[in-house]
Amino acid sequence: MAGRKDDEMKDLTLLGNKNTKYLFEYSPEVLEVFDNKHPDRDYFVKFNCPEFTSLCQ
């Protein structure tokens, strides 16, 4: 399975940016999205980060 090409990620500015300053209040503008290249597949996503916080609505 191949990764994404640079032109597919050109609009992402926060993902992978170690200088991103995150706010402590709800701030949906820091979320970046991209199209799923394989919508017909099932995914298993595991986050291994003891300080990860998610606010889902």
N, C-alpha and C. Protein backbone atom coordinates (compact mmCIF):
# COMPACT_ATOMS: atom_id res chain seq x y z
N MET A 1 0.84 -1.17 0.00
CA MET A 1 0.00 0.00 0.00
C MET A 1 0.89 1.24 0.00
N ALA A 2 0.67 2.11 -0.92
CA ALA A 2 1.49 3.31 -1.05
C ALA A 2 0.96 4.43 -0.17
N GLY A 3 1.84 5.34 0.20
CA GLY A 3 1.44 6.50 1.00
C GLY A 3 0.87 7.58 0.12
N ARG A 4 0.68 8.73 0.68
CA ARG A 4 0.13 9.85 -0.07
C ARG A 4 1.25 10.61 -0.77
N LYS A 5 0.90 11.19 -1.89
CA LYS A 5 1.85 11.99 -2.66
C LYS A 5 1.88 13.40 -2.08
N ASP A 6 2.97 14.11 -2.32
CA ASP A 6 3.14 15.46 -1.79
C ASP A 6 2.00 16.39 -2.21
N ASP A 7 1.54 16.27 -3.45
CA ASP A 7 0.48 17.17 -3.90
C ASP A 7 -0.85 16.89 -3.20
N GLU A 8 -1.03 15.69 -2.64
CA GLU A 8 -2.24 15.37 -1.88
C GLU A 8 -2.20 15.98 -0.48
N MET A 9 -1.02 16.34 -0.02
CA MET A 9 -0.86 16.85 1.34
C MET A 9 -0.52 18.34 1.37
N LYS A 10 -0.56 18.99 0.21
CA LYS A 10 -0.12 20.38 0.13
C LYS A 10 -0.95 21.34 0.97
N ASP A 11 -2.22 21.01 1.23
CA ASP A 11 -3.09 21.90 2.00
C ASP A 11 -3.03 21.65 3.50
N LEU A 12 -2.32 20.61 3.91
CA LEU A 12 -2.19 20.33 5.34
C LEU A 12 -1.06 21.18 5.92
N THR A 13 -1.38 21.92 6.96
CA THR A 13 -0.37 22.79 7.56
C THR A 13 -0.07 22.41 9.00
N LEU A 14 -0.99 21.71 9.66
CA LEU A 14 -0.81 21.38 11.07
C LEU A 14 -0.32 19.95 11.28
N LEU A 15 -0.79 19.03 10.46
CA LEU A 15 -0.45 17.62 10.62
C LEU A 15 1.05 17.44 10.43
N GLY A 16 1.72 16.96 11.45
CA GLY A 16 3.16 16.75 11.39
C GLY A 16 3.99 17.98 11.70
N ASN A 17 3.35 19.10 11.93
CA ASN A 17 4.05 20.34 12.22
C ASN A 17 4.33 20.41 13.72
N LYS A 18 5.57 20.34 14.11
CA LYS A 18 5.93 20.32 15.53
C LYS A 18 5.86 21.69 16.17
N ASN A 19 5.57 22.73 15.39
CA ASN A 19 5.48 24.09 15.94
C ASN A 19 4.05 24.54 16.14
N THR A 20 3.08 23.65 15.97
CA THR A 20 1.68 24.00 16.12
C THR A 20 1.38 24.34 17.58
N LYS A 21 0.72 25.45 17.79
CA LYS A 21 0.31 25.87 19.14
C LYS A 21 -1.17 25.52 19.29
N TYR A 22 -1.46 24.60 20.19
CA TYR A 22 -2.84 24.17 20.41
C TYR A 22 -3.45 24.95 21.55
N LEU A 23 -4.72 25.30 21.38
CA LEU A 23 -5.46 26.03 22.40
C LEU A 23 -6.05 25.04 23.41
N PHE A 24 -6.41 25.53 24.57
CA PHE A 24 -6.99 24.67 25.60
C PHE A 24 -8.51 24.71 25.59
N GLU A 25 -9.12 25.44 24.67
CA GLU A 25 -10.56 25.43 24.53
C GLU A 25 -10.91 24.80 23.17
N TYR A 26 -12.17 24.45 23.02
CA TYR A 26 -12.64 23.81 21.79
C TYR A 26 -12.28 24.69 20.59
N SER A 27 -11.59 24.11 19.64
CA SER A 27 -11.08 24.88 18.51
C SER A 27 -11.09 24.01 17.25
N PRO A 28 -12.26 23.87 16.59
CA PRO A 28 -12.35 22.97 15.43
C PRO A 28 -11.50 23.40 14.24
N GLU A 29 -11.05 24.64 14.20
CA GLU A 29 -10.23 25.09 13.06
C GLU A 29 -8.86 24.44 13.02
N VAL A 30 -8.43 23.78 14.10
CA VAL A 30 -7.14 23.10 14.05
C VAL A 30 -7.25 21.69 13.47
N LEU A 31 -8.48 21.24 13.18
CA LEU A 31 -8.65 19.92 12.56
C LEU A 31 -8.48 20.03 11.06
N GLU A 32 -7.67 19.17 10.51
CA GLU A 32 -7.48 19.13 9.06
C GLU A 32 -8.01 17.81 8.54
N VAL A 33 -8.60 17.85 7.36
CA VAL A 33 -9.20 16.65 6.78
C VAL A 33 -8.62 16.38 5.41
N PHE A 34 -8.73 15.15 4.97
CA PHE A 34 -8.35 14.78 3.61
C PHE A 34 -9.22 13.60 3.21
N ASP A 35 -9.38 13.40 1.91
CA ASP A 35 -10.23 12.33 1.39
C ASP A 35 -9.64 10.96 1.70
N ASN A 36 -10.52 10.02 1.96
CA ASN A 36 -10.13 8.64 2.18
C ASN A 36 -9.85 8.01 0.82
N LYS A 37 -8.63 7.56 0.59
CA LYS A 37 -8.26 6.97 -0.69
C LYS A 37 -8.88 5.59 -0.91
N HIS A 38 -9.33 4.95 0.16
CA HIS A 38 -9.89 3.60 0.07
C HIS A 38 -11.16 3.50 0.92
N PRO A 39 -12.25 4.18 0.52
CA PRO A 39 -13.46 4.18 1.34
C PRO A 39 -14.14 2.81 1.46
N ASP A 40 -13.78 1.88 0.60
CA ASP A 40 -14.39 0.55 0.65
C ASP A 40 -13.71 -0.38 1.66
N ARG A 41 -12.64 0.07 2.29
CA ARG A 41 -11.90 -0.75 3.25
C ARG A 41 -12.34 -0.45 4.69
N ASP A 42 -12.26 -1.46 5.53
CA ASP A 42 -12.44 -1.26 6.97
C ASP A 42 -11.09 -0.88 7.56
N TYR A 43 -11.11 -0.03 8.58
CA TYR A 43 -9.88 0.42 9.20
C TYR A 43 -9.88 0.12 10.69
N PHE A 44 -8.74 -0.16 11.23
CA PHE A 44 -8.51 -0.27 12.67
C PHE A 44 -7.49 0.80 13.00
N VAL A 45 -7.87 1.74 13.83
CA VAL A 45 -6.98 2.84 14.19
C VAL A 45 -6.67 2.73 15.67
N LYS A 46 -5.40 2.75 16.00
CA LYS A 46 -4.96 2.67 17.39
C LYS A 46 -4.03 3.84 17.67
N PHE A 47 -4.39 4.62 18.68
CA PHE A 47 -3.54 5.72 19.11
C PHE A 47 -2.81 5.28 20.37
N ASN A 48 -1.51 5.38 20.36
CA ASN A 48 -0.72 5.06 21.54
C ASN A 48 -0.06 6.36 22.00
N CYS A 49 -0.85 7.12 22.74
CA CYS A 49 -0.38 8.43 23.21
C CYS A 49 -1.05 8.72 24.54
N PRO A 50 -0.33 8.65 25.64
CA PRO A 50 -0.95 8.79 26.96
C PRO A 50 -1.57 10.16 27.23
N GLU A 51 -1.24 11.17 26.44
CA GLU A 51 -1.78 12.50 26.68
C GLU A 51 -2.72 12.97 25.58
N PHE A 52 -3.25 12.02 24.79
CA PHE A 52 -4.15 12.38 23.69
C PHE A 52 -5.55 12.66 24.24
N THR A 53 -6.14 13.76 23.82
CA THR A 53 -7.50 14.11 24.22
C THR A 53 -8.32 14.36 22.97
N SER A 54 -9.54 13.86 22.95
CA SER A 54 -10.41 14.04 21.80
C SER A 54 -11.76 14.53 22.28
N LEU A 55 -12.31 15.49 21.57
CA LEU A 55 -13.65 15.99 21.84
C LEU A 55 -14.49 15.70 20.61
N CYS A 56 -15.36 14.71 20.70
CA CYS A 56 -16.18 14.32 19.57
C CYS A 56 -17.63 14.72 19.82
N GLN A 57 -18.28 15.18 18.78
CA GLN A 57 -19.69 15.57 18.89
C GLN A 57 -20.52 14.79 17.92
